[in-house]
N, C-alpha and C. Protein backbone atom coordinates (compact mmCIF):
# COMPACT_ATOMS: atom_id res chain seq x y z
N MET A 1 -98.48 73.68 -34.34
CA MET A 1 -99.90 73.62 -34.57
C MET A 1 -100.14 73.18 -36.01
N VAL A 2 -100.96 72.15 -36.19
CA VAL A 2 -101.33 71.68 -37.52
C VAL A 2 -102.50 72.52 -38.02
N THR A 3 -102.45 72.96 -39.27
CA THR A 3 -103.52 73.76 -39.85
C THR A 3 -104.10 73.01 -41.03
N ILE A 4 -105.43 72.96 -41.10
CA ILE A 4 -106.13 72.35 -42.22
C ILE A 4 -106.82 73.49 -42.94
N GLY A 5 -106.44 73.75 -44.21
CA GLY A 5 -106.89 74.97 -44.86
C GLY A 5 -106.29 76.11 -44.07
N GLU A 6 -107.08 77.04 -43.67
CA GLU A 6 -106.61 78.13 -42.82
C GLU A 6 -107.07 77.94 -41.38
N SER A 7 -107.93 76.95 -41.13
CA SER A 7 -108.42 76.72 -39.77
C SER A 7 -107.46 75.80 -39.02
N PRO A 8 -107.01 76.22 -37.84
CA PRO A 8 -106.10 75.35 -37.09
C PRO A 8 -106.82 74.09 -36.60
N TRP A 9 -106.05 73.03 -36.45
CA TRP A 9 -106.59 71.80 -35.88
C TRP A 9 -106.97 72.04 -34.43
N LEU A 10 -106.14 72.79 -33.69
CA LEU A 10 -106.39 73.05 -32.28
C LEU A 10 -106.01 74.49 -31.95
N SER A 11 -106.92 75.21 -31.32
CA SER A 11 -106.63 76.55 -30.78
C SER A 11 -106.84 76.50 -29.28
N GLU A 12 -106.13 77.36 -28.57
CA GLU A 12 -106.21 77.37 -27.11
C GLU A 12 -106.58 78.76 -26.61
N HIS A 13 -107.35 78.79 -25.52
CA HIS A 13 -107.83 80.03 -24.94
C HIS A 13 -107.81 79.94 -23.42
N ASP A 14 -107.57 81.06 -22.76
CA ASP A 14 -107.64 81.16 -21.31
C ASP A 14 -108.71 82.17 -20.95
N LEU A 15 -109.65 81.76 -20.11
CA LEU A 15 -110.68 82.66 -19.60
C LEU A 15 -110.40 82.86 -18.11
N GLU A 16 -110.33 84.10 -17.69
CA GLU A 16 -109.95 84.42 -16.31
C GLU A 16 -111.13 84.31 -15.36
N GLY A 17 -110.85 83.83 -14.14
CA GLY A 17 -111.83 83.83 -13.07
C GLY A 17 -112.96 82.83 -13.27
N ASP A 18 -113.98 82.99 -12.45
CA ASP A 18 -115.18 82.17 -12.57
C ASP A 18 -115.92 82.57 -13.84
N VAL A 19 -116.62 81.61 -14.45
CA VAL A 19 -117.28 81.89 -15.72
C VAL A 19 -118.65 81.25 -15.80
N LEU A 20 -119.52 81.90 -16.56
CA LEU A 20 -120.78 81.33 -17.00
C LEU A 20 -120.71 81.33 -18.52
N LEU A 21 -120.73 80.14 -19.11
CA LEU A 21 -120.58 79.98 -20.55
C LEU A 21 -121.91 79.55 -21.17
N GLY A 22 -122.29 80.21 -22.27
CA GLY A 22 -123.43 79.77 -23.05
C GLY A 22 -122.97 78.75 -24.07
N LEU A 23 -123.72 77.68 -24.24
CA LEU A 23 -123.37 76.59 -25.16
C LEU A 23 -124.44 76.46 -26.23
N VAL A 24 -124.00 76.42 -27.48
CA VAL A 24 -124.92 76.27 -28.60
C VAL A 24 -124.23 75.45 -29.68
N SER A 25 -125.01 74.73 -30.45
CA SER A 25 -124.45 73.93 -31.54
C SER A 25 -125.51 73.75 -32.61
N ASP A 26 -125.07 73.37 -33.78
CA ASP A 26 -125.97 72.94 -34.85
C ASP A 26 -127.06 73.97 -35.14
N THR A 27 -126.63 75.22 -35.38
CA THR A 27 -127.59 76.27 -35.71
C THR A 27 -128.07 76.18 -37.15
N HIS A 28 -127.24 75.65 -38.05
CA HIS A 28 -127.65 75.38 -39.44
C HIS A 28 -128.31 76.58 -40.11
N ILE A 29 -127.68 77.75 -40.00
CA ILE A 29 -128.20 78.96 -40.64
C ILE A 29 -127.50 79.13 -42.00
N PRO A 30 -128.18 79.29 -43.11
CA PRO A 30 -129.60 79.55 -43.29
C PRO A 30 -130.42 78.30 -43.62
N GLU A 31 -129.84 77.13 -43.48
CA GLU A 31 -130.56 75.90 -43.81
C GLU A 31 -131.82 75.74 -42.95
N ALA A 32 -131.70 75.96 -41.64
CA ALA A 32 -132.84 75.79 -40.74
C ALA A 32 -133.81 76.95 -40.84
N ARG A 33 -133.26 78.15 -40.87
CA ARG A 33 -134.05 79.38 -41.00
C ARG A 33 -133.09 80.51 -41.29
N SER A 34 -133.59 81.69 -41.61
CA SER A 34 -132.70 82.77 -42.02
C SER A 34 -131.94 83.40 -40.84
N THR A 35 -132.49 83.33 -39.65
CA THR A 35 -131.84 83.90 -38.46
C THR A 35 -132.05 82.97 -37.27
N LEU A 36 -131.31 83.24 -36.21
CA LEU A 36 -131.56 82.52 -34.96
C LEU A 36 -132.86 83.03 -34.34
N PHE A 37 -133.50 82.20 -33.55
CA PHE A 37 -134.66 82.65 -32.79
C PHE A 37 -134.22 83.70 -31.78
N ASP A 38 -135.04 84.71 -31.55
CA ASP A 38 -134.73 85.76 -30.57
C ASP A 38 -134.50 85.17 -29.18
N GLU A 39 -135.14 84.06 -28.88
CA GLU A 39 -135.01 83.42 -27.57
C GLU A 39 -133.57 83.01 -27.26
N VAL A 40 -132.78 82.72 -28.29
CA VAL A 40 -131.37 82.36 -28.08
C VAL A 40 -130.63 83.55 -27.48
N TYR A 41 -130.81 84.72 -28.07
CA TYR A 41 -130.13 85.92 -27.59
C TYR A 41 -130.56 86.28 -26.17
N GLU A 42 -131.84 86.20 -25.92
CA GLU A 42 -132.36 86.53 -24.59
C GLU A 42 -131.77 85.59 -23.53
N ALA A 43 -131.71 84.31 -23.83
CA ALA A 43 -131.21 83.33 -22.87
C ALA A 43 -129.72 83.53 -22.57
N PHE A 44 -128.95 84.01 -23.55
CA PHE A 44 -127.51 84.17 -23.37
C PHE A 44 -127.10 85.52 -22.77
N ARG A 45 -128.03 86.42 -22.56
CA ARG A 45 -127.66 87.71 -21.95
C ARG A 45 -127.03 87.47 -20.58
N GLY A 46 -125.84 88.04 -20.38
CA GLY A 46 -125.15 87.91 -19.09
C GLY A 46 -124.09 86.84 -19.04
N VAL A 47 -123.93 86.02 -20.11
CA VAL A 47 -122.87 85.01 -20.09
C VAL A 47 -121.52 85.68 -20.34
N ASP A 48 -120.45 85.04 -19.90
CA ASP A 48 -119.10 85.57 -20.10
C ASP A 48 -118.55 85.27 -21.48
N ALA A 49 -118.98 84.17 -22.08
CA ALA A 49 -118.56 83.78 -23.43
C ALA A 49 -119.58 82.77 -23.95
N ILE A 50 -119.60 82.62 -25.27
CA ILE A 50 -120.47 81.65 -25.93
C ILE A 50 -119.59 80.68 -26.68
N LEU A 51 -119.82 79.38 -26.46
CA LEU A 51 -119.09 78.33 -27.16
C LEU A 51 -120.04 77.70 -28.18
N HIS A 52 -119.64 77.73 -29.47
CA HIS A 52 -120.47 77.16 -30.53
C HIS A 52 -119.84 75.85 -30.99
N GLY A 53 -120.57 74.75 -30.84
CA GLY A 53 -120.07 73.42 -31.13
C GLY A 53 -120.16 72.98 -32.58
N GLY A 54 -120.25 73.91 -33.52
CA GLY A 54 -120.14 73.54 -34.94
C GLY A 54 -121.47 73.38 -35.66
N ASP A 55 -121.36 73.19 -36.96
CA ASP A 55 -122.48 73.22 -37.91
C ASP A 55 -123.19 74.56 -37.82
N ILE A 56 -122.36 75.59 -37.98
CA ILE A 56 -122.80 76.98 -38.00
C ILE A 56 -123.38 77.28 -39.37
N HIS A 57 -122.67 76.83 -40.41
CA HIS A 57 -122.93 76.99 -41.84
C HIS A 57 -122.60 78.39 -42.34
N ASP A 58 -123.20 79.43 -41.77
CA ASP A 58 -122.86 80.79 -42.18
C ASP A 58 -122.22 81.47 -40.97
N VAL A 59 -120.97 81.91 -41.14
CA VAL A 59 -120.24 82.48 -39.99
C VAL A 59 -120.85 83.79 -39.50
N ILE A 60 -121.83 84.33 -40.18
CA ILE A 60 -122.52 85.52 -39.66
C ILE A 60 -123.15 85.21 -38.30
N VAL A 61 -123.48 83.95 -38.06
CA VAL A 61 -124.02 83.54 -36.75
C VAL A 61 -123.06 83.93 -35.63
N LEU A 62 -121.76 83.78 -35.88
CA LEU A 62 -120.77 84.15 -34.86
C LEU A 62 -120.81 85.66 -34.60
N ASP A 63 -121.02 86.45 -35.65
CA ASP A 63 -121.14 87.90 -35.49
C ASP A 63 -122.36 88.24 -34.64
N TRP A 64 -123.49 87.59 -34.93
CA TRP A 64 -124.71 87.86 -34.16
C TRP A 64 -124.50 87.54 -32.69
N LEU A 65 -123.92 86.38 -32.42
CA LEU A 65 -123.71 85.96 -31.03
C LEU A 65 -122.68 86.84 -30.33
N GLU A 66 -121.72 87.34 -31.10
CA GLU A 66 -120.66 88.15 -30.50
C GLU A 66 -121.19 89.52 -30.03
N GLU A 67 -122.39 89.89 -30.44
CA GLU A 67 -123.01 91.10 -29.91
C GLU A 67 -123.41 90.91 -28.44
N ILE A 68 -123.50 89.65 -28.01
CA ILE A 68 -123.86 89.33 -26.62
C ILE A 68 -122.59 89.11 -25.78
N ALA A 69 -121.64 88.30 -26.32
CA ALA A 69 -120.44 87.93 -25.56
C ALA A 69 -119.39 87.41 -26.55
N PRO A 70 -118.12 87.35 -26.14
CA PRO A 70 -117.10 86.75 -27.01
C PRO A 70 -117.49 85.32 -27.41
N VAL A 71 -117.13 84.93 -28.63
CA VAL A 71 -117.51 83.62 -29.17
C VAL A 71 -116.27 82.82 -29.53
N ILE A 72 -116.30 81.55 -29.16
CA ILE A 72 -115.29 80.57 -29.57
C ILE A 72 -116.06 79.44 -30.23
N GLY A 73 -115.64 79.02 -31.43
CA GLY A 73 -116.38 77.99 -32.14
C GLY A 73 -115.50 76.93 -32.76
N VAL A 74 -116.14 75.84 -33.15
CA VAL A 74 -115.46 74.78 -33.89
C VAL A 74 -116.21 74.54 -35.20
N ARG A 75 -115.46 74.04 -36.16
CA ARG A 75 -116.04 73.69 -37.45
C ARG A 75 -116.73 72.34 -37.33
N GLY A 76 -117.93 72.24 -37.89
CA GLY A 76 -118.64 70.96 -37.95
C GLY A 76 -118.55 70.39 -39.35
N ASN A 77 -119.04 69.17 -39.50
CA ASN A 77 -119.02 68.54 -40.82
C ASN A 77 -119.82 69.36 -41.83
N GLY A 78 -120.89 70.03 -41.38
CA GLY A 78 -121.68 70.88 -42.26
C GLY A 78 -120.97 72.17 -42.64
N ASP A 79 -119.93 72.54 -41.89
CA ASP A 79 -119.15 73.73 -42.21
C ASP A 79 -118.03 73.41 -43.19
N ASP A 80 -117.78 72.14 -43.39
CA ASP A 80 -116.70 71.71 -44.27
C ASP A 80 -117.22 71.07 -45.55
N GLY A 81 -118.48 71.37 -45.92
CA GLY A 81 -118.99 70.96 -47.21
C GLY A 81 -119.72 69.63 -47.28
N SER A 82 -120.07 69.03 -46.14
CA SER A 82 -120.77 67.74 -46.21
C SER A 82 -122.13 67.90 -46.86
N SER A 83 -122.59 66.85 -47.50
CA SER A 83 -123.89 66.81 -48.18
C SER A 83 -124.05 67.92 -49.20
N GLY A 84 -122.93 68.35 -49.80
CA GLY A 84 -122.99 69.35 -50.85
C GLY A 84 -123.17 70.79 -50.37
N ARG A 85 -123.08 71.00 -49.05
CA ARG A 85 -123.20 72.37 -48.52
C ARG A 85 -121.95 73.16 -48.89
N PRO A 86 -122.08 74.48 -48.95
CA PRO A 86 -120.87 75.28 -49.19
C PRO A 86 -119.93 75.22 -47.99
N VAL A 87 -118.66 75.33 -48.24
CA VAL A 87 -117.67 75.34 -47.17
C VAL A 87 -117.69 76.71 -46.51
N ALA A 88 -117.86 76.72 -45.18
CA ALA A 88 -117.84 77.99 -44.45
C ALA A 88 -116.43 78.57 -44.51
N PRO A 89 -116.32 79.87 -44.69
CA PRO A 89 -114.98 80.47 -44.78
C PRO A 89 -114.24 80.37 -43.44
N ASP A 90 -112.93 80.50 -43.53
CA ASP A 90 -112.12 80.51 -42.32
C ASP A 90 -112.44 81.76 -41.52
N ASP A 91 -112.36 81.64 -40.22
CA ASP A 91 -112.70 82.74 -39.33
C ASP A 91 -111.82 82.63 -38.10
N ARG A 92 -111.36 83.76 -37.58
CA ARG A 92 -110.45 83.76 -36.43
C ARG A 92 -111.06 83.09 -35.20
N ARG A 93 -112.39 82.98 -35.13
CA ARG A 93 -113.06 82.38 -33.97
C ARG A 93 -113.22 80.87 -34.10
N LEU A 94 -112.81 80.32 -35.25
CA LEU A 94 -113.04 78.89 -35.52
C LEU A 94 -111.75 78.09 -35.58
N ALA A 95 -111.80 76.88 -35.08
CA ALA A 95 -110.77 75.87 -35.27
C ALA A 95 -111.51 74.54 -35.37
N HIS A 96 -110.81 73.50 -35.71
CA HIS A 96 -111.45 72.18 -35.73
C HIS A 96 -111.71 71.71 -34.30
N ASN A 97 -110.83 72.10 -33.39
CA ASN A 97 -110.95 71.75 -31.97
C ASN A 97 -110.49 72.95 -31.15
N GLN A 98 -111.11 73.14 -29.98
CA GLN A 98 -110.73 74.24 -29.10
C GLN A 98 -110.42 73.67 -27.71
N LEU A 99 -109.38 74.22 -27.09
CA LEU A 99 -109.04 73.90 -25.70
C LEU A 99 -109.16 75.20 -24.92
N ILE A 100 -110.05 75.20 -23.94
CA ILE A 100 -110.32 76.40 -23.16
C ILE A 100 -109.99 76.11 -21.69
N ARG A 101 -109.15 76.94 -21.10
CA ARG A 101 -108.85 76.81 -19.68
C ARG A 101 -109.65 77.88 -18.94
N ALA A 102 -110.46 77.43 -17.97
CA ALA A 102 -111.30 78.37 -17.21
C ALA A 102 -111.54 77.81 -15.82
N GLY A 103 -111.38 78.65 -14.82
CA GLY A 103 -111.69 78.24 -13.45
C GLY A 103 -110.94 77.02 -12.98
N GLY A 104 -109.72 76.82 -13.48
CA GLY A 104 -108.93 75.66 -13.10
C GLY A 104 -109.32 74.38 -13.81
N LYS A 105 -110.20 74.47 -14.80
CA LYS A 105 -110.66 73.29 -15.56
C LYS A 105 -110.20 73.41 -17.01
N ARG A 106 -109.99 72.24 -17.61
CA ARG A 106 -109.66 72.17 -19.04
C ARG A 106 -110.91 71.71 -19.78
N ILE A 107 -111.37 72.56 -20.70
CA ILE A 107 -112.58 72.30 -21.48
C ILE A 107 -112.16 72.02 -22.91
N GLY A 108 -112.53 70.88 -23.43
CA GLY A 108 -112.26 70.54 -24.82
C GLY A 108 -113.54 70.64 -25.62
N MET A 109 -113.48 71.30 -26.77
CA MET A 109 -114.66 71.41 -27.63
C MET A 109 -114.32 70.91 -29.02
N THR A 110 -115.20 70.07 -29.55
CA THR A 110 -115.11 69.57 -30.91
C THR A 110 -116.53 69.35 -31.40
N HIS A 111 -116.73 69.14 -32.68
CA HIS A 111 -118.11 68.97 -33.16
C HIS A 111 -118.64 67.58 -32.87
N ALA A 112 -117.97 66.57 -33.38
CA ALA A 112 -118.45 65.20 -33.21
C ALA A 112 -117.51 64.46 -32.28
N PHE A 113 -118.04 64.03 -31.15
CA PHE A 113 -117.23 63.34 -30.14
C PHE A 113 -117.90 62.02 -29.82
N PRO A 114 -117.10 60.95 -29.67
CA PRO A 114 -117.70 59.64 -29.33
C PRO A 114 -118.22 59.68 -27.89
N GLU A 115 -119.45 60.22 -27.73
CA GLU A 115 -119.97 60.52 -26.41
C GLU A 115 -120.23 59.29 -25.55
N PHE A 116 -120.69 58.24 -26.15
CA PHE A 116 -120.99 57.04 -25.39
C PHE A 116 -120.16 55.89 -25.92
N PRO A 117 -119.61 55.06 -25.02
CA PRO A 117 -118.83 53.93 -25.52
C PRO A 117 -119.74 52.94 -26.27
N TYR A 118 -119.28 52.50 -27.38
CA TYR A 118 -119.97 51.46 -28.13
C TYR A 118 -118.89 50.57 -28.73
N GLN A 119 -119.30 49.41 -29.18
CA GLN A 119 -118.32 48.45 -29.69
C GLN A 119 -117.51 49.08 -30.81
N GLY A 120 -116.21 49.09 -30.65
CA GLY A 120 -115.31 49.64 -31.65
C GLY A 120 -115.04 51.12 -31.49
N ALA A 121 -115.65 51.77 -30.47
CA ALA A 121 -115.44 53.21 -30.27
C ALA A 121 -114.02 53.48 -29.78
N MET A 122 -113.52 54.65 -30.10
CA MET A 122 -112.21 55.08 -29.63
C MET A 122 -112.28 55.25 -28.10
N PRO A 123 -111.34 54.70 -27.37
CA PRO A 123 -111.33 54.92 -25.92
C PRO A 123 -111.25 56.41 -25.59
N LEU A 124 -111.85 56.79 -24.47
CA LEU A 124 -111.94 58.20 -24.09
C LEU A 124 -110.57 58.88 -24.06
N GLY A 125 -109.59 58.25 -23.43
CA GLY A 125 -108.25 58.83 -23.35
C GLY A 125 -107.64 59.06 -24.71
N GLU A 126 -107.85 58.12 -25.61
CA GLU A 126 -107.34 58.25 -26.98
C GLU A 126 -108.01 59.40 -27.71
N ALA A 127 -109.33 59.54 -27.51
CA ALA A 127 -110.06 60.63 -28.16
C ALA A 127 -109.56 61.98 -27.63
N MET A 128 -109.36 62.09 -26.33
CA MET A 128 -108.88 63.36 -25.76
C MET A 128 -107.48 63.69 -26.27
N GLU A 129 -106.65 62.70 -26.40
CA GLU A 129 -105.30 62.93 -26.94
C GLU A 129 -105.38 63.40 -28.39
N ARG A 130 -106.27 62.79 -29.16
CA ARG A 130 -106.40 63.17 -30.57
C ARG A 130 -106.88 64.60 -30.73
N TYR A 131 -107.93 64.97 -29.98
CA TYR A 131 -108.54 66.28 -30.16
C TYR A 131 -107.83 67.40 -29.41
N TRP A 132 -107.32 67.12 -28.18
CA TRP A 132 -106.80 68.20 -27.33
C TRP A 132 -105.39 67.93 -26.81
N GLU A 133 -104.72 66.92 -27.36
CA GLU A 133 -103.33 66.60 -27.01
C GLU A 133 -103.16 66.30 -25.52
N GLY A 134 -104.22 65.78 -24.89
CA GLY A 134 -104.15 65.41 -23.48
C GLY A 134 -105.53 65.42 -22.85
N PRO A 135 -105.59 65.07 -21.57
CA PRO A 135 -106.89 64.96 -20.89
C PRO A 135 -107.55 66.31 -20.69
N VAL A 136 -108.87 66.29 -20.65
CA VAL A 136 -109.68 67.46 -20.31
C VAL A 136 -110.66 67.04 -19.22
N ASP A 137 -111.18 68.03 -18.52
CA ASP A 137 -112.17 67.78 -17.47
C ASP A 137 -113.59 67.78 -18.01
N ILE A 138 -113.79 68.57 -19.08
CA ILE A 138 -115.13 68.79 -19.63
C ILE A 138 -115.03 68.72 -21.15
N VAL A 139 -115.98 68.04 -21.78
CA VAL A 139 -116.07 67.97 -23.24
C VAL A 139 -117.36 68.66 -23.67
N ILE A 140 -117.23 69.57 -24.63
CA ILE A 140 -118.39 70.21 -25.27
C ILE A 140 -118.43 69.69 -26.70
N ALA A 141 -119.58 69.16 -27.12
CA ALA A 141 -119.71 68.62 -28.47
C ALA A 141 -121.09 68.95 -29.02
N GLY A 142 -121.29 68.68 -30.27
CA GLY A 142 -122.57 68.87 -30.94
C GLY A 142 -122.85 67.67 -31.82
N ASP A 143 -123.27 67.92 -33.04
CA ASP A 143 -123.45 66.94 -34.11
C ASP A 143 -124.76 66.17 -34.03
N THR A 144 -125.13 65.63 -32.87
CA THR A 144 -126.29 64.74 -32.79
C THR A 144 -127.62 65.48 -32.72
N HIS A 145 -127.60 66.75 -32.34
CA HIS A 145 -128.80 67.56 -32.12
C HIS A 145 -129.60 67.06 -30.92
N VAL A 146 -129.06 66.15 -30.15
CA VAL A 146 -129.73 65.59 -28.98
C VAL A 146 -129.02 66.10 -27.73
N PRO A 147 -129.72 66.88 -26.90
CA PRO A 147 -129.07 67.45 -25.72
C PRO A 147 -128.85 66.43 -24.63
N HIS A 148 -127.73 66.57 -23.94
CA HIS A 148 -127.50 65.76 -22.74
C HIS A 148 -126.32 66.30 -21.95
N VAL A 149 -126.35 66.02 -20.68
CA VAL A 149 -125.25 66.30 -19.76
C VAL A 149 -124.99 64.98 -19.06
N THR A 150 -123.80 64.44 -19.23
CA THR A 150 -123.51 63.11 -18.68
C THR A 150 -122.05 63.03 -18.25
N TRP A 151 -121.75 62.07 -17.41
CA TRP A 151 -120.38 61.81 -16.97
C TRP A 151 -119.90 60.52 -17.59
N ARG A 152 -118.66 60.51 -18.03
CA ARG A 152 -118.03 59.29 -18.54
C ARG A 152 -116.61 59.25 -18.00
N ASP A 153 -116.32 58.30 -17.15
CA ASP A 153 -114.98 58.15 -16.57
C ASP A 153 -114.48 59.47 -15.97
N GLU A 154 -115.33 60.13 -15.18
CA GLU A 154 -115.00 61.37 -14.48
C GLU A 154 -114.79 62.57 -15.41
N VAL A 155 -115.25 62.46 -16.65
CA VAL A 155 -115.23 63.57 -17.59
C VAL A 155 -116.68 63.98 -17.85
N LEU A 156 -116.97 65.27 -17.67
CA LEU A 156 -118.30 65.79 -17.93
C LEU A 156 -118.44 66.03 -19.43
N ILE A 157 -119.47 65.46 -20.04
CA ILE A 157 -119.70 65.61 -21.48
C ILE A 157 -121.05 66.30 -21.67
N ILE A 158 -121.01 67.40 -22.44
CA ILE A 158 -122.20 68.21 -22.65
C ILE A 158 -122.46 68.37 -24.14
N ASN A 159 -123.68 68.07 -24.55
CA ASN A 159 -124.15 68.37 -25.90
C ASN A 159 -125.39 69.24 -25.72
N SER A 160 -125.34 70.47 -26.21
CA SER A 160 -126.45 71.40 -26.00
C SER A 160 -127.62 71.16 -26.94
N GLY A 161 -127.51 70.20 -27.84
CA GLY A 161 -128.57 69.95 -28.81
C GLY A 161 -128.52 70.99 -29.92
N SER A 162 -129.67 71.39 -30.41
CA SER A 162 -129.76 72.40 -31.46
C SER A 162 -130.90 73.36 -31.14
N PRO A 163 -130.65 74.68 -31.27
CA PRO A 163 -131.73 75.63 -31.02
C PRO A 163 -132.72 75.74 -32.17
N THR A 164 -132.36 75.19 -33.34
CA THR A 164 -133.19 75.35 -34.54
C THR A 164 -133.67 74.03 -35.14
N TYR A 165 -132.91 72.94 -34.95
CA TYR A 165 -133.26 71.62 -35.48
C TYR A 165 -133.17 70.59 -34.35
N PRO A 166 -133.96 70.73 -33.30
CA PRO A 166 -133.83 69.78 -32.19
C PRO A 166 -134.10 68.35 -32.63
N ARG A 167 -133.22 67.47 -32.20
CA ARG A 167 -133.33 66.03 -32.48
C ARG A 167 -133.48 65.73 -33.97
N ASN A 168 -132.90 66.63 -34.82
CA ASN A 168 -132.95 66.47 -36.28
C ASN A 168 -134.37 66.45 -36.84
N LEU A 169 -135.29 67.13 -36.17
CA LEU A 169 -136.66 67.22 -36.65
C LEU A 169 -136.82 68.50 -37.45
N GLN A 170 -138.05 68.91 -37.72
CA GLN A 170 -138.27 70.14 -38.47
C GLN A 170 -137.85 71.35 -37.64
N THR A 171 -137.73 72.47 -38.32
CA THR A 171 -137.34 73.71 -37.65
C THR A 171 -138.35 74.05 -36.56
N GLN A 172 -137.85 74.26 -35.35
CA GLN A 172 -138.67 74.66 -34.20
C GLN A 172 -137.73 75.07 -33.08
N LEU A 173 -138.28 75.70 -32.05
CA LEU A 173 -137.46 76.07 -30.91
C LEU A 173 -136.86 74.82 -30.28
N GLY A 174 -135.55 74.84 -30.09
CA GLY A 174 -134.86 73.69 -29.53
C GLY A 174 -134.19 74.03 -28.21
N THR A 175 -132.93 73.60 -28.08
CA THR A 175 -132.24 73.71 -26.80
C THR A 175 -130.89 74.40 -26.95
N ILE A 176 -130.44 74.96 -25.82
CA ILE A 176 -129.10 75.49 -25.65
C ILE A 176 -128.61 74.97 -24.30
N GLY A 177 -127.35 75.23 -23.99
CA GLY A 177 -126.82 74.77 -22.70
C GLY A 177 -126.04 75.86 -22.00
N PHE A 178 -125.72 75.56 -20.75
CA PHE A 178 -124.91 76.47 -19.93
C PHE A 178 -123.90 75.66 -19.15
N LEU A 179 -122.74 76.24 -18.94
CA LEU A 179 -121.68 75.66 -18.12
C LEU A 179 -121.20 76.76 -17.19
N GLU A 180 -121.28 76.49 -15.89
CA GLU A 180 -120.84 77.47 -14.90
C GLU A 180 -119.72 76.86 -14.07
N ILE A 181 -118.63 77.62 -13.94
CA ILE A 181 -117.51 77.20 -13.10
C ILE A 181 -117.30 78.31 -12.07
N ARG A 182 -117.57 77.97 -10.80
CA ARG A 182 -117.44 78.92 -9.70
C ARG A 182 -116.68 78.26 -8.56
N ASP A 183 -115.61 78.89 -8.13
CA ASP A 183 -114.81 78.38 -7.01
C ASP A 183 -114.40 76.92 -7.22
N GLY A 184 -114.10 76.56 -8.46
CA GLY A 184 -113.67 75.20 -8.77
C GLY A 184 -114.80 74.20 -8.92
N ASN A 185 -116.04 74.62 -8.65
CA ASN A 185 -117.21 73.75 -8.80
C ASN A 185 -117.82 73.92 -10.18
N VAL A 186 -118.30 72.83 -10.73
CA VAL A 186 -118.84 72.83 -12.09
C VAL A 186 -120.32 72.49 -12.06
N ASP A 187 -121.11 73.25 -12.80
CA ASP A 187 -122.53 72.97 -12.97
C ASP A 187 -122.84 73.14 -14.45
N ALA A 188 -123.63 72.23 -14.99
CA ALA A 188 -124.00 72.30 -16.40
C ALA A 188 -125.47 71.91 -16.54
N TRP A 189 -126.16 72.59 -17.45
CA TRP A 189 -127.57 72.27 -17.65
C TRP A 189 -128.00 72.64 -19.07
N ILE A 190 -129.11 72.06 -19.46
CA ILE A 190 -129.73 72.30 -20.77
C ILE A 190 -131.00 73.11 -20.54
N GLU A 191 -131.27 74.06 -21.44
CA GLU A 191 -132.53 74.80 -21.37
C GLU A 191 -133.29 74.66 -22.67
N GLN A 192 -134.56 74.31 -22.54
CA GLN A 192 -135.48 74.29 -23.67
C GLN A 192 -135.91 75.73 -23.92
N LEU A 193 -135.79 76.19 -25.15
CA LEU A 193 -136.21 77.55 -25.49
C LEU A 193 -137.72 77.61 -25.63
N HIS A 194 -138.32 78.69 -25.12
CA HIS A 194 -139.79 78.88 -25.18
C HIS A 194 -140.09 80.21 -25.83
């Protein structure tokens, strides 16, 4: 395993049985606001685990979310000092990339993923090899603050957007996502917080 600072490049996790996963990214605390909106906690009640797609900024966010369910997260560019932000400290729940096995599926999570092919983009297979040392069935990413659930070459790609800075606009209620794996079937959706 390659380690950058104290955060591993890739960590691996196994979740047993069928799962309902809460997806969140780009919380930007305290840049966006001092705390998460209460609606985030309410929406995640009952999930088996929460996956945070990076740009946490203050790792206390992981503590808050862990009061609801176990948390697995990735470091975003904002957690590594971009734009003059402080570097988020290393944390046992964080890696640069996460590989999660659940319900017979391989889930890869990273902060910035080449979600749509564009001229000069890294081919999907190459990106999966770089981030997760092989193919995955599902990709969880953040970075853009724009929510979407899409398929690319039989790989489900989910970006939950941002609950605090949706679409990189001013602070307001944004979006989170969910991923459910039951009996080998996969369902994913985005929820607008109200």
